[in-house]
Amino acid sequence: MTGERVKNRELKAKITDAARAADLVKNGYKVGMSGFTGSGYPKLVPQALADHIRREQGNGGKFRIVVMTGASTGSELDGALAMVDGIEMRMPYNSDPVARGKINSGMMEYFDCHLGSVARNVRCGFFGELDTAIIEVAGITEDGRFIPSTSVGNNQTFIDCAREVILEVNSYLPPELEGMHDIYEPSTPPHAQPNMVLKPSDRIGIPYLTCPPDKIRAIVETNQPDQTSVLKAADANSRAISRHILDFFRQEVKKGRLPKNLSPLQSGVGNVANAVLYGLLDSEFEDLEVYTEVIQDAMLALINSGKIRFASSAALSLSPSTFEKFKANIRSYREKILLRPQSISNHVGIIRRLGVIAMNGCVEFDIYGNVNSTHVNGTRIINGIGGSGDFARNAFISIFTTSSVAGGGDISCVLPMVSHVDHCEHDVDVVITEQGLADLRGTSPKQRAVRIIDRCVHPDYRPMLKDYYARALRESPGKHTPHLLEEAFSWHTRFLRTGSMKA
C-alpha cells in the first residue's frame, strides 16, 4: 500500500485491505456500487465480500445483499457475488452470465428499470435507505475530492445517499482522467431546476466526486483493468444494417429534416452498434456530435479520424487494446470527451432538447413496430432495458436494429407479436434489419405492418407473415390493429416445441 494516488493526509490514514473493507458490509445491506457497461466498477472489495459470504454460509449463516449499480459491471463484482448466492436483489441492469442464470432460475430477484431514473429514485427514497456505497476512483486530491474513474454512473448519488462509503483507488487508470468529468446531479421534484445542457460539450458541474470525510470508512488500493469485451469484427448483416442507416441519413439530409452533420448521435452497445458507427468512418458525414451513454471502440475511432468533434457520455467501455491506446494518447482526448452522471447522460429533457438520434439494438420486433430488447421467448431476460427507453421515447428519431433471423435461421426476429414489450410502437420511428429499413413515422398500424413485412423480414419467413397478416385482416374483429390472438405467439410456441419457428 503506497498511498500514491491518495493525496489527502486525513484520508490516507483510512487505507486498508479489501477483506477489512468488505467486513463493513452486513447481511441485508443495500449497497450502491460504481460501474457502467463493464467499466469503472470496484474489483477487490466485491471479491473479498464474496469470500466473506462464502464463509458465513459455510457456518450455516445467511448473507445476502441488495446490489445497485449504474449499469453492468464485471465478473469480479456481479459474477463473484452471484456465484455465492450473495445477491438478494439486483438493479438496475445486469449482463453477467452467472447472475443472469440465477435470475432466470428464480434464485435472484431483478428490478430492471430505465437507467436515467435510478439516481432520482434513490434520492427520493423509492428503494429504501442505502447502507453502503463502494466506488472506484482514479485518485483523491489533496483537498479530499475524488477523481472519477472510466464511468460516472450513479456514483455521486450513491455517495450522497449512503450512510458509509468505501473507495477503491485504482492506479491502473491514467491520472490524466482528472478534468474529463462533469459531475452535476439534477434536483428532485417537485419544482426541479432545469439542467442547462444546450449542446453536448456544455459543462454544468465540477470535475470531481465529493464526500464528507467522516462518511468514508475504508480506502482500498487496486491496480487492475476493467474486464471489458473484445468486440467481434462486423459481419455481413451488421454492415448491411449500417448501409441502410447511412442511406436513411442521406435521405433525411436531402429532405431538410437533418443538418449535414446530423443531430447528436446516441448508440447502444454491442457488435451491431459498433459496426453501424464504423460505417460512418467512410461516409461523407463529419463534424459530428455525440450524446450517449457509452463510448466504445468505434466511437473512439471516429474521434481519431476527426469525424466526431465532441462526445458526451456516462462511460468509456473500450476493448483492452483500445483502452491502452486511449491511455497513451489521453491528452488528445481531453477536449473531445466528457463523462457525466447517467442522470444527465440519460436525462429525458436534455435528450429531447438536443434532438438526439437514438440507435439501439433489440431481440425482436413485431409487424406493428413493438420492440423487445430484453427477453427470450418472453420469460428469460438477457440483460435489461438499460438506457434505450430513455433515448427511444425522447429522441428526435428513434431507430431499432436487429438481424432478421437468429439461431441459424430457425428464429425470425420479426414476428406477429413480440413476446415481451420494452418499447411500444409509439416510441419507435424506424426499424432495420439487413433486409431493409422501414420508416414508421406517420403510419397507421396496418401501414406499418405492410412496410415491415415487405422491407425487413427474411425471405424464409415473409410468406408466413404475409399469410398471418392477410388472415388477420379478414378474421380479426377489430381492423385497426388486426391480430389473430390464438396465433399471435404461435411462432414462439412452435420454436419451443420443435426448435424452429418455420411452419
Protein backbone atom coordinates (compact mmCIF):
# COMPACT_ATOMS: atom_id res chain seq x y z
CA MET A 1 0.00 0.00 0.00
CA THR A 2 1.82 3.10 -1.23
CA GLY A 3 -0.94 5.68 -0.97
CA GLU A 4 0.48 7.39 -4.06
CA ARG A 5 -2.96 8.19 -5.51
CA VAL A 6 -4.37 9.31 -2.13
CA LYS A 7 -3.04 12.86 -1.72
CA ASN A 8 -5.23 13.84 1.26
CA ARG A 9 -3.47 13.17 4.58
CA GLU A 10 -6.65 12.53 6.58
CA LEU A 11 -7.94 10.00 4.06
CA LYS A 12 -4.56 8.32 3.62
CA ALA A 13 -4.97 7.02 7.16
CA LYS A 14 -8.08 5.10 6.07
CA ILE A 15 -6.23 2.89 3.58
CA THR A 16 -6.79 -0.77 4.40
CA ASP A 17 -7.08 -4.13 2.67
CA ALA A 18 -10.12 -5.44 0.81
CA ALA A 19 -11.04 -8.05 3.44
CA ARG A 20 -11.30 -5.46 6.22
CA ALA A 21 -13.30 -3.16 3.97
CA ALA A 22 -15.66 -5.97 3.00
CA ASP A 23 -16.30 -6.76 6.66
CA LEU A 24 -18.07 -3.40 6.91
CA VAL A 25 -20.89 -4.73 4.70
CA LYS A 26 -23.50 -6.66 6.70
CA ASN A 27 -26.24 -9.13 5.80
CA GLY A 28 -29.30 -7.39 4.39
CA TYR A 29 -27.49 -4.20 3.40
CA LYS A 30 -28.46 -2.17 0.36
CA VAL A 31 -25.20 -1.41 -1.42
CA GLY A 32 -24.64 1.04 -4.26
CA MET A 33 -21.59 0.22 -6.37
CA SER A 34 -19.92 2.04 -9.22
CA GLY A 35 -19.82 0.57 -12.71
CA PHE A 36 -21.41 1.25 -16.07
CA THR A 37 -21.21 -1.16 -19.03
CA GLY A 38 -18.23 -3.05 -17.73
CA SER A 39 -16.15 -0.02 -16.75
CA GLY A 40 -15.30 1.77 -13.54
CA TYR A 41 -16.55 -0.90 -11.13
CA PRO A 42 -14.88 -1.92 -7.82
CA LYS A 43 -12.91 -5.13 -8.15
CA LEU A 44 -11.23 -6.23 -4.92
CA VAL A 45 -13.88 -5.40 -2.31
CA PRO A 46 -16.72 -7.34 -4.03
CA GLN A 47 -14.46 -10.39 -4.34
CA ALA A 48 -13.48 -10.11 -0.69
CA LEU A 49 -17.17 -9.73 0.17
CA ALA A 50 -17.93 -12.92 -1.80
CA ASP A 51 -15.28 -14.76 0.22
CA HIS A 52 -16.84 -13.43 3.43
CA ILE A 53 -20.30 -14.54 2.32
CA ARG A 54 -18.98 -18.00 1.47
CA ARG A 55 -17.52 -18.35 4.96
CA GLU A 56 -20.73 -17.18 6.61
CA GLN A 57 -22.78 -19.64 4.60
CA GLY A 58 -20.31 -22.41 5.41
CA ASN A 59 -21.01 -21.74 9.07
CA GLY A 60 -24.75 -22.04 8.48
CA GLY A 61 -25.43 -18.31 8.29
CA LYS A 62 -27.42 -16.35 5.73
CA PHE A 63 -25.82 -13.43 3.94
CA ARG A 64 -27.45 -11.67 1.00
CA ILE A 65 -27.45 -8.03 -0.05
CA VAL A 66 -29.23 -5.74 -2.50
CA VAL A 67 -26.86 -4.53 -5.22
CA MET A 68 -27.43 -1.32 -7.18
CA THR A 69 -25.01 -0.03 -9.81
CA GLY A 70 -25.01 2.31 -12.78
CA ALA A 71 -25.37 -0.50 -15.32
CA SER A 72 -23.46 -3.74 -15.98
CA THR A 73 -20.17 -4.47 -14.21
CA GLY A 74 -17.63 -7.28 -14.44
CA SER A 75 -17.20 -10.82 -13.19
CA GLU A 76 -15.25 -9.57 -10.16
CA LEU A 77 -18.48 -7.91 -8.94
CA ASP A 78 -21.66 -9.44 -10.33
CA GLY A 79 -20.15 -12.81 -11.11
CA ALA A 80 -18.34 -13.20 -7.77
CA LEU A 81 -21.38 -12.26 -5.68
CA ALA A 82 -23.82 -14.28 -7.80
CA MET A 83 -21.59 -17.35 -7.59
CA VAL A 84 -22.04 -17.48 -3.82
CA ASP A 85 -25.76 -16.57 -3.97
CA GLY A 86 -24.95 -13.33 -2.21
CA ILE A 87 -27.37 -11.10 -4.11
CA GLU A 88 -30.97 -10.93 -2.95
CA MET A 89 -31.98 -8.22 -5.44
CA ARG A 90 -30.08 -6.75 -8.38
CA MET A 91 -30.89 -3.43 -10.04
CA PRO A 92 -30.98 -1.67 -12.49
CA TYR A 93 -29.07 -3.66 -15.15
CA ASN A 94 -27.09 -6.88 -15.46
CA SER A 95 -25.25 -8.70 -18.20
CA ASP A 96 -23.15 -11.16 -16.18
CA PRO A 97 -23.89 -14.75 -17.29
CA VAL A 98 -23.75 -16.21 -13.76
CA ALA A 99 -26.12 -13.58 -12.40
CA ARG A 100 -28.35 -13.99 -15.45
CA GLY A 101 -28.62 -17.70 -14.76
CA LYS A 102 -29.58 -17.04 -11.13
CA ILE A 103 -32.21 -14.51 -12.21
CA ASN A 104 -33.76 -16.78 -14.82
CA SER A 105 -33.79 -19.75 -12.42
CA GLY A 106 -35.64 -17.68 -9.82
CA MET A 107 -32.76 -17.65 -7.32
CA MET A 108 -32.14 -13.89 -7.60
CA GLU A 109 -34.66 -11.07 -7.85
CA TYR A 110 -34.06 -8.45 -10.51
CA PHE A 111 -35.55 -4.98 -10.93
CA ASP A 112 -34.97 -3.83 -14.50
CA CYS A 113 -35.54 -0.11 -14.98
CA HIS A 114 -34.68 2.91 -17.10
CA LEU A 115 -31.14 3.97 -16.24
CA GLY A 116 -31.92 7.66 -16.35
CA SER A 117 -34.37 7.41 -13.45
CA VAL A 118 -32.26 5.44 -10.96
CA ALA A 119 -30.50 8.37 -9.26
CA ARG A 120 -33.75 10.29 -8.78
CA ASN A 121 -35.47 7.23 -7.35
CA VAL A 122 -32.62 6.57 -4.93
CA ARG A 123 -32.60 10.21 -3.79
CA CYS A 124 -36.37 10.16 -3.32
CA GLY A 125 -36.15 7.01 -1.20
CA PHE A 126 -38.14 4.78 -3.52
CA PHE A 127 -35.79 1.83 -2.86
CA GLY A 128 -35.32 2.42 0.86
CA GLU A 129 -32.22 3.69 2.65
CA LEU A 130 -28.80 2.97 1.14
CA ASP A 131 -26.36 1.48 3.64
CA THR A 132 -23.04 1.48 1.80
CA ALA A 133 -21.52 2.91 -1.37
CA ILE A 134 -18.49 1.11 -2.88
CA ILE A 135 -17.00 3.34 -5.56
CA GLU A 136 -13.93 3.07 -7.79
CA VAL A 137 -12.00 6.30 -8.35
CA ALA A 138 -8.78 7.19 -10.15
CA GLY A 139 -7.37 9.20 -7.26
CA ILE A 140 -8.01 11.52 -4.32
CA THR A 141 -6.81 15.13 -4.40
CA GLU A 142 -5.08 16.99 -1.59
CA ASP A 143 -8.34 18.72 -0.67
CA GLY A 144 -10.17 15.36 -0.46
CA ARG A 145 -12.10 15.32 -3.73
CA PHE A 146 -12.26 12.17 -5.86
CA ILE A 147 -11.10 11.89 -9.48
CA PRO A 148 -13.80 9.76 -11.15
CA SER A 149 -12.98 6.55 -12.95
CA THR A 150 -13.82 5.49 -16.52
CA SER A 151 -17.52 5.67 -15.69
CA VAL A 152 -19.62 8.01 -13.59
CA GLY A 153 -22.96 6.22 -13.45
CA ASN A 154 -24.81 6.87 -10.18
CA ASN A 155 -21.65 7.37 -8.14
CA GLN A 156 -22.35 10.81 -6.68
CA THR A 157 -25.90 9.82 -5.77
CA PHE A 158 -24.72 6.65 -4.04
CA ILE A 159 -22.06 8.62 -2.14
CA ASP A 160 -24.60 11.25 -1.09
CA CYS A 161 -27.29 8.80 0.00
CA ALA A 162 -25.25 6.02 1.65
CA ARG A 163 -24.50 6.02 5.37
CA GLU A 164 -20.97 4.77 4.73
CA VAL A 165 -18.58 4.94 1.79
CA ILE A 166 -15.81 2.56 0.72
CA LEU A 167 -13.43 3.67 -2.03
CA GLU A 168 -11.25 1.64 -4.37
CA VAL A 169 -8.46 3.82 -5.74
CA ASN A 170 -7.29 2.20 -8.97
CA SER A 171 -3.79 3.20 -10.03
CA TYR A 172 -4.18 1.32 -13.33
CA LEU A 173 -6.23 4.27 -14.55
CA PRO A 174 -4.36 7.20 -16.09
CA PRO A 175 -4.13 10.21 -13.73
CA GLU A 176 -4.91 12.39 -16.74
CA LEU A 177 -8.56 11.40 -16.34
CA GLU A 178 -8.65 14.34 -13.95
CA GLY A 179 -10.69 17.07 -15.61
CA MET A 180 -12.55 14.84 -18.12
CA HIS A 181 -15.71 14.67 -15.99
CA ASP A 182 -18.65 16.95 -15.36
CA ILE A 183 -20.33 15.99 -12.09
CA TYR A 184 -23.76 17.50 -11.62
CA GLU A 185 -26.84 15.88 -10.14
CA PRO A 186 -30.30 17.18 -11.03
CA SER A 187 -32.52 18.44 -8.23
CA THR A 188 -35.51 16.29 -7.32
CA PRO A 189 -39.21 17.04 -7.90
CA PRO A 190 -41.34 18.90 -7.22
CA HIS A 191 -40.16 22.07 -8.99
CA ALA A 192 -36.82 20.60 -10.08
CA GLN A 193 -34.48 23.14 -11.62
CA PRO A 194 -33.70 22.91 -15.37
CA ASN A 195 -30.37 21.33 -16.37
CA MET A 196 -28.79 23.75 -18.78
CA VAL A 197 -27.02 21.43 -21.19
CA LEU A 198 -27.68 23.10 -24.54
CA LYS A 199 -25.03 21.22 -26.51
CA PRO A 200 -23.01 18.05 -25.77
CA SER A 201 -19.87 19.98 -24.80
CA ASP A 202 -21.56 22.15 -22.16
CA ARG A 203 -20.20 21.82 -18.63
CA ILE A 204 -22.61 22.49 -15.79
CA GLY A 205 -20.85 20.86 -12.82
CA ILE A 206 -17.39 20.17 -11.43
CA PRO A 207 -14.74 17.58 -12.44
CA TYR A 208 -14.81 15.71 -9.11
CA LEU A 209 -16.91 13.48 -6.89
CA THR A 210 -17.27 14.84 -3.36
CA CYS A 211 -17.96 13.32 0.05
CA PRO A 212 -17.68 14.38 3.71
CA PRO A 213 -14.51 12.70 5.06
CA ASP A 214 -16.31 11.23 8.08
CA LYS A 215 -18.53 9.09 5.82
CA ILE A 216 -15.53 7.34 4.29
CA ARG A 217 -14.90 4.14 6.26
CA ALA A 218 -12.21 2.48 4.16
CA ILE A 219 -9.99 3.03 1.15
CA VAL A 220 -8.59 0.07 -0.80
CA GLU A 221 -5.81 0.44 -3.36
CA THR A 222 -6.04 -1.52 -6.60
CA ASN A 223 -4.19 -1.78 -9.89
CA GLN A 224 -6.50 -3.67 -12.23
CA PRO A 225 -8.06 -3.06 -15.65
CA ASP A 226 -11.75 -3.36 -16.34
CA GLN A 227 -12.84 -6.64 -17.93
CA THR A 228 -14.40 -5.06 -20.98
CA SER A 229 -15.40 -7.10 -24.01
CA VAL A 230 -13.44 -7.55 -27.21
CA LEU A 231 -15.98 -6.75 -29.91
CA LYS A 232 -16.30 -9.00 -32.93
CA ALA A 233 -15.50 -7.82 -36.43
CA ALA A 234 -18.53 -6.60 -38.30
CA ASP A 235 -20.34 -9.38 -40.16
CA ALA A 236 -22.30 -9.05 -43.40
CA ASN A 237 -25.59 -8.36 -41.59
CA SER A 238 -24.09 -5.60 -39.46
CA ARG A 239 -22.52 -3.95 -42.48
CA ALA A 240 -25.84 -4.11 -44.35
CA ILE A 241 -27.67 -2.53 -41.41
CA SER A 242 -25.03 0.20 -41.32
CA ARG A 243 -25.56 0.93 -45.04
CA HIS A 244 -29.32 1.19 -44.55
CA ILE A 245 -28.84 3.70 -41.72
CA LEU A 246 -26.42 5.81 -43.74
CA ASP A 247 -28.79 5.83 -46.72
CA PHE A 248 -31.59 6.90 -44.38
CA PHE A 249 -29.46 9.74 -43.04
CA ARG A 250 -28.70 10.89 -46.59
CA GLN A 251 -32.41 11.00 -47.43
CA GLU A 252 -33.19 12.93 -44.24
CA VAL A 253 -30.48 15.48 -45.06
CA LYS A 254 -31.71 15.75 -48.65
CA LYS A 255 -35.26 16.41 -47.43
CA GLY A 256 -34.05 19.04 -44.97
CA ARG A 257 -35.05 17.09 -41.87
CA LEU A 258 -31.47 16.70 -40.64
CA PRO A 259 -28.47 19.04 -40.96
CA LYS A 260 -25.44 17.90 -42.94
CA ASN A 261 -23.61 16.97 -39.74
CA LEU A 262 -26.76 15.21 -38.47
CA SER A 263 -28.04 15.67 -34.91
CA PRO A 264 -26.18 14.41 -31.83
CA LEU A 265 -25.87 10.64 -32.01
CA GLN A 266 -26.63 8.01 -29.39
CA SER A 267 -25.68 4.39 -29.92
CA GLY A 268 -26.36 1.32 -27.82
CA VAL A 269 -23.64 -1.19 -27.01
CA GLY A 270 -22.58 -4.35 -28.79
CA ASN A 271 -21.24 -5.61 -32.09
CA VAL A 272 -24.04 -4.32 -34.33
CA ALA A 273 -23.93 -0.86 -32.75
CA ASN A 274 -20.17 -0.74 -33.17
CA ALA A 275 -20.44 -1.80 -36.82
CA VAL A 276 -23.03 0.91 -37.50
CA LEU A 277 -20.68 3.54 -36.13
CA TYR A 278 -17.70 2.17 -38.06
CA GLY A 279 -19.80 2.70 -41.20
CA LEU A 280 -19.62 6.44 -40.57
CA LEU A 281 -15.83 6.35 -41.00
CA ASP A 282 -16.08 6.03 -44.78
CA SER A 283 -19.16 8.22 -45.15
CA GLU A 284 -19.42 11.89 -46.10
CA PHE A 285 -20.75 12.79 -42.65
CA GLU A 286 -18.37 14.80 -40.49
CA ASP A 287 -18.25 17.40 -37.72
CA LEU A 288 -20.46 15.04 -35.72
CA GLU A 289 -21.50 15.34 -32.09
CA VAL A 290 -22.37 12.52 -29.71
CA TYR A 291 -24.67 12.49 -26.68
CA THR A 292 -24.75 8.93 -25.46
CA GLU A 293 -24.27 6.55 -22.52
CA VAL A 294 -21.21 4.58 -23.60
CA ILE A 295 -18.20 5.32 -25.77
CA GLN A 296 -17.00 2.11 -27.40
CA ASP A 297 -14.17 1.38 -29.84
CA ALA A 298 -15.87 2.64 -32.99
CA MET A 299 -16.70 5.98 -31.43
CA LEU A 300 -13.07 6.46 -30.42
CA ALA A 301 -12.05 5.61 -33.99
CA LEU A 302 -14.42 8.32 -35.24
CA ILE A 303 -12.86 10.81 -32.81
CA ASN A 304 -9.38 9.79 -34.00
CA SER A 305 -10.40 10.32 -37.63
CA GLY A 306 -11.77 13.78 -36.93
CA LYS A 307 -15.32 12.76 -37.80
CA ILE A 308 -16.58 13.36 -34.26
CA ARG A 309 -15.75 16.76 -32.81
CA PHE A 310 -17.18 16.08 -29.34
CA ALA A 311 -18.65 13.17 -27.39
CA SER A 312 -20.58 13.29 -24.11
CA SER A 313 -21.13 10.01 -22.29
CA ALA A 314 -21.56 8.30 -18.93
CA ALA A 315 -18.75 5.79 -19.52
CA LEU A 316 -15.77 4.71 -21.56
CA SER A 317 -16.12 1.00 -22.29
CA LEU A 318 -13.21 0.20 -24.58
CA SER A 319 -11.68 -3.13 -25.51
CA PRO A 320 -8.37 -3.77 -23.69
CA SER A 321 -6.18 -2.91 -26.68
CA THR A 322 -8.14 0.25 -27.48
CA PHE A 323 -8.01 1.36 -23.85
CA GLU A 324 -4.21 1.07 -23.90
CA LYS A 325 -4.18 3.37 -26.95
CA PHE A 326 -6.54 5.72 -25.14
CA LYS A 327 -4.18 5.84 -22.14
CA ALA A 328 -1.18 6.52 -24.38
CA ASN A 329 -2.93 9.42 -26.12
CA ILE A 330 -5.26 10.63 -23.39
CA ARG A 331 -4.16 14.24 -23.62
CA SER A 332 -5.53 14.44 -27.17
CA TYR A 333 -8.98 13.37 -25.94
CA ARG A 334 -9.29 15.82 -23.08
CA GLU A 335 -11.05 18.46 -25.17
CA LYS A 336 -13.20 15.96 -27.07
CA ILE A 337 -14.69 13.67 -24.40
CA LEU A 338 -16.77 14.50 -21.33
CA LEU A 339 -18.03 11.90 -18.85
CA ARG A 340 -21.19 12.64 -16.85
CA PRO A 341 -23.56 11.03 -14.33
CA GLN A 342 -26.21 8.90 -16.02
CA SER A 343 -28.86 11.17 -14.54
CA ILE A 344 -27.55 13.73 -17.06
CA SER A 345 -26.37 11.49 -19.92
CA ASN A 346 -29.82 9.84 -19.90
CA HIS A 347 -31.87 12.86 -18.88
CA VAL A 348 -35.03 12.80 -20.97
CA GLY A 349 -35.33 16.59 -21.12
CA ILE A 350 -31.78 17.01 -22.42
CA ILE A 351 -32.20 14.19 -24.94
CA ARG A 352 -35.31 15.89 -26.31
CA ARG A 353 -33.73 19.36 -26.26
CA LEU A 354 -30.63 18.27 -28.18
CA GLY A 355 -32.62 16.36 -30.83
CA VAL A 356 -30.67 13.15 -30.34
CA ILE A 357 -30.75 10.40 -32.98
CA ALA A 358 -31.10 7.18 -30.97
CA MET A 359 -29.78 3.92 -32.45
CA ASN A 360 -30.35 0.79 -30.35
CA GLY A 361 -30.37 -2.94 -30.92
CA CYS A 362 -33.13 -5.34 -29.97
CA VAL A 363 -34.02 -9.02 -29.73
CA GLU A 364 -37.12 -8.83 -31.93
CA PHE A 365 -39.84 -6.52 -33.20
CA ASP A 366 -43.31 -7.23 -34.50
CA ILE A 367 -45.25 -6.20 -37.57
CA TYR A 368 -46.74 -3.21 -35.74
CA GLY A 369 -43.43 -1.81 -34.50
CA ASN A 370 -43.37 -3.00 -30.89
CA VAL A 371 -39.84 -3.84 -29.75
CA ASN A 372 -38.48 -6.46 -27.34
CA SER A 373 -34.98 -5.54 -26.18
CA THR A 374 -34.55 -7.79 -23.19
CA HIS A 375 -36.25 -11.19 -23.18
CA VAL A 376 -36.02 -14.55 -24.97
CA ASN A 377 -39.46 -16.08 -25.52
CA GLY A 378 -40.93 -13.53 -23.14
CA THR A 379 -39.63 -15.18 -19.95
CA ARG A 380 -35.82 -15.28 -19.88
CA ILE A 381 -34.10 -11.94 -19.50
CA ILE A 382 -30.84 -11.37 -21.37
CA ASN A 383 -29.65 -8.13 -19.79
CA GLY A 384 -32.04 -5.20 -19.26
CA ILE A 385 -33.67 -2.21 -20.89
CA GLY A 386 -30.71 -0.04 -19.95
CA GLY A 387 -30.95 3.45 -21.35
CA SER A 388 -32.67 2.53 -24.60
CA GLY A 389 -36.04 3.61 -23.23
CA ASP A 390 -34.70 6.97 -22.02
CA PHE A 391 -33.49 7.68 -25.55
CA ALA A 392 -36.18 5.98 -27.64
CA ARG A 393 -39.16 7.86 -26.23
CA ASN A 394 -37.42 11.23 -26.26
CA ALA A 395 -35.23 11.05 -29.35
CA PHE A 396 -35.66 13.20 -32.44
CA ILE A 397 -35.51 9.94 -34.40
CA SER A 398 -35.68 6.55 -32.65
CA ILE A 399 -34.08 3.64 -34.57
CA PHE A 400 -34.00 -0.06 -33.63
CA THR A 401 -31.91 -2.68 -35.38
CA THR A 402 -31.57 -6.46 -35.42
CA SER A 403 -30.69 -9.22 -37.84
CA SER A 404 -33.81 -10.62 -39.49
CA VAL A 405 -33.11 -14.15 -38.24
CA ALA A 406 -31.21 -15.83 -35.41
CA GLY A 407 -30.37 -19.36 -34.33
CA GLY A 408 -29.05 -20.36 -37.73
CA GLY A 409 -32.31 -19.28 -39.37
CA ASP A 410 -34.65 -21.14 -37.02
CA ILE A 411 -35.76 -17.91 -35.33
CA SER A 412 -37.38 -14.97 -37.06
CA CYS A 413 -36.62 -11.68 -35.34
CA VAL A 414 -39.69 -10.10 -36.96
CA LEU A 415 -42.90 -11.64 -35.63
CA PRO A 416 -46.68 -11.31 -35.49
CA MET A 417 -46.32 -10.09 -31.91
CA VAL A 418 -43.26 -9.66 -29.68
CA SER A 419 -43.11 -11.94 -26.66
CA HIS A 420 -42.22 -9.02 -24.37
CA VAL A 421 -42.67 -5.27 -24.94
CA ASP A 422 -39.91 -2.87 -23.86
CA HIS A 423 -40.63 -0.15 -26.42
CA CYS A 424 -44.16 0.20 -27.68
CA GLU A 425 -44.97 1.20 -31.25
CA HIS A 426 -45.45 4.84 -30.18
CA ASP A 427 -41.75 5.19 -29.33
CA VAL A 428 -40.32 3.56 -32.46
CA ASP A 429 -39.70 5.57 -35.62
CA VAL A 430 -37.52 3.28 -37.73
CA VAL A 431 -36.79 -0.46 -37.68
CA ILE A 432 -33.97 -2.04 -39.64
CA THR A 433 -32.66 -5.49 -40.46
CA GLU A 434 -30.07 -6.48 -43.02
CA GLN A 435 -33.01 -6.96 -45.40
CA GLY A 436 -34.03 -3.32 -45.32
CA LEU A 437 -35.43 -0.33 -43.46
CA ALA A 438 -39.00 0.56 -42.56
CA ASP A 439 -39.74 4.19 -41.73
CA LEU A 440 -42.80 4.04 -39.50
CA ARG A 441 -43.30 7.76 -38.88
CA GLY A 442 -46.82 8.95 -39.60
CA THR A 443 -48.17 5.49 -40.39
CA SER A 444 -51.18 3.58 -39.15
CA PRO A 445 -50.75 0.06 -37.71
CA LYS A 446 -51.81 -1.55 -40.99
CA GLN A 447 -49.41 0.63 -42.99
CA ARG A 448 -46.62 -0.27 -40.57
CA ALA A 449 -47.33 -3.97 -40.98
CA VAL A 450 -47.08 -3.78 -44.77
CA ARG A 451 -43.81 -1.85 -44.69
CA ILE A 452 -42.17 -4.08 -42.10
CA ILE A 453 -43.17 -7.31 -43.85
CA ASP A 454 -42.05 -6.07 -47.27
CA ARG A 455 -38.78 -4.49 -46.19
CA CYS A 456 -37.43 -6.12 -43.02
CA VAL A 457 -38.46 -9.80 -42.93
CA HIS A 458 -36.17 -12.60 -44.07
CA PRO A 459 -37.37 -14.28 -47.29
CA ASP A 460 -37.83 -17.59 -45.45
CA TYR A 461 -40.46 -16.01 -43.21
CA ARG A 462 -42.01 -13.35 -45.43
CA PRO A 463 -44.70 -15.63 -46.91
CA MET A 464 -45.65 -16.82 -43.42
CA LEU A 465 -46.04 -13.27 -42.11
CA LYS A 466 -47.96 -12.19 -45.21
CA ASP A 467 -50.32 -15.11 -44.69
CA TYR A 468 -50.77 -14.27 -40.99
CA TYR A 469 -51.48 -10.62 -41.74
CA ALA A 470 -53.90 -11.38 -44.60
CA ARG A 471 -55.90 -13.73 -42.41
CA ALA A 472 -55.83 -11.25 -39.53
CA LEU A 473 -57.25 -8.58 -41.84
CA ARG A 474 -60.12 -10.91 -42.73
CA GLU A 475 -60.81 -12.57 -39.39
CA SER A 476 -59.83 -10.10 -36.66
CA PRO A 477 -62.89 -8.48 -35.05
CA GLY A 478 -61.01 -5.17 -34.92
CA LYS A 479 -59.48 -3.77 -38.11
CA HIS A 480 -57.27 -1.05 -36.61
CA THR A 481 -54.56 -3.44 -35.37
CA PRO A 482 -55.57 -6.81 -36.85
CA HIS A 483 -54.45 -9.82 -34.85
CA LEU A 484 -55.29 -13.49 -34.55
CA LEU A 485 -54.97 -13.77 -30.78
CA GLU A 486 -54.88 -17.56 -30.83
CA GLU A 487 -51.89 -17.41 -33.21
CA ALA A 488 -50.06 -14.24 -32.14
CA PHE A 489 -47.48 -16.18 -30.11
CA SER A 490 -47.63 -19.39 -32.12
CA TRP A 491 -44.20 -18.76 -33.66
CA HIS A 492 -42.63 -18.70 -30.21
CA THR A 493 -44.51 -21.78 -29.02
CA ARG A 494 -43.60 -23.63 -32.22
CA PHE A 495 -39.94 -22.86 -31.60
CA LEU A 496 -40.18 -24.12 -28.01
CA ARG A 497 -41.86 -27.28 -29.25
CA THR A 498 -39.82 -28.07 -32.36
CA GLY A 499 -36.67 -25.92 -32.22
CA SER A 500 -37.70 -23.82 -35.22
CA MET A 501 -40.23 -21.11 -36.00
CA LYS A 502 -40.63 -22.40 -39.54
CA ALA A 503 -44.01 -23.99 -40.23
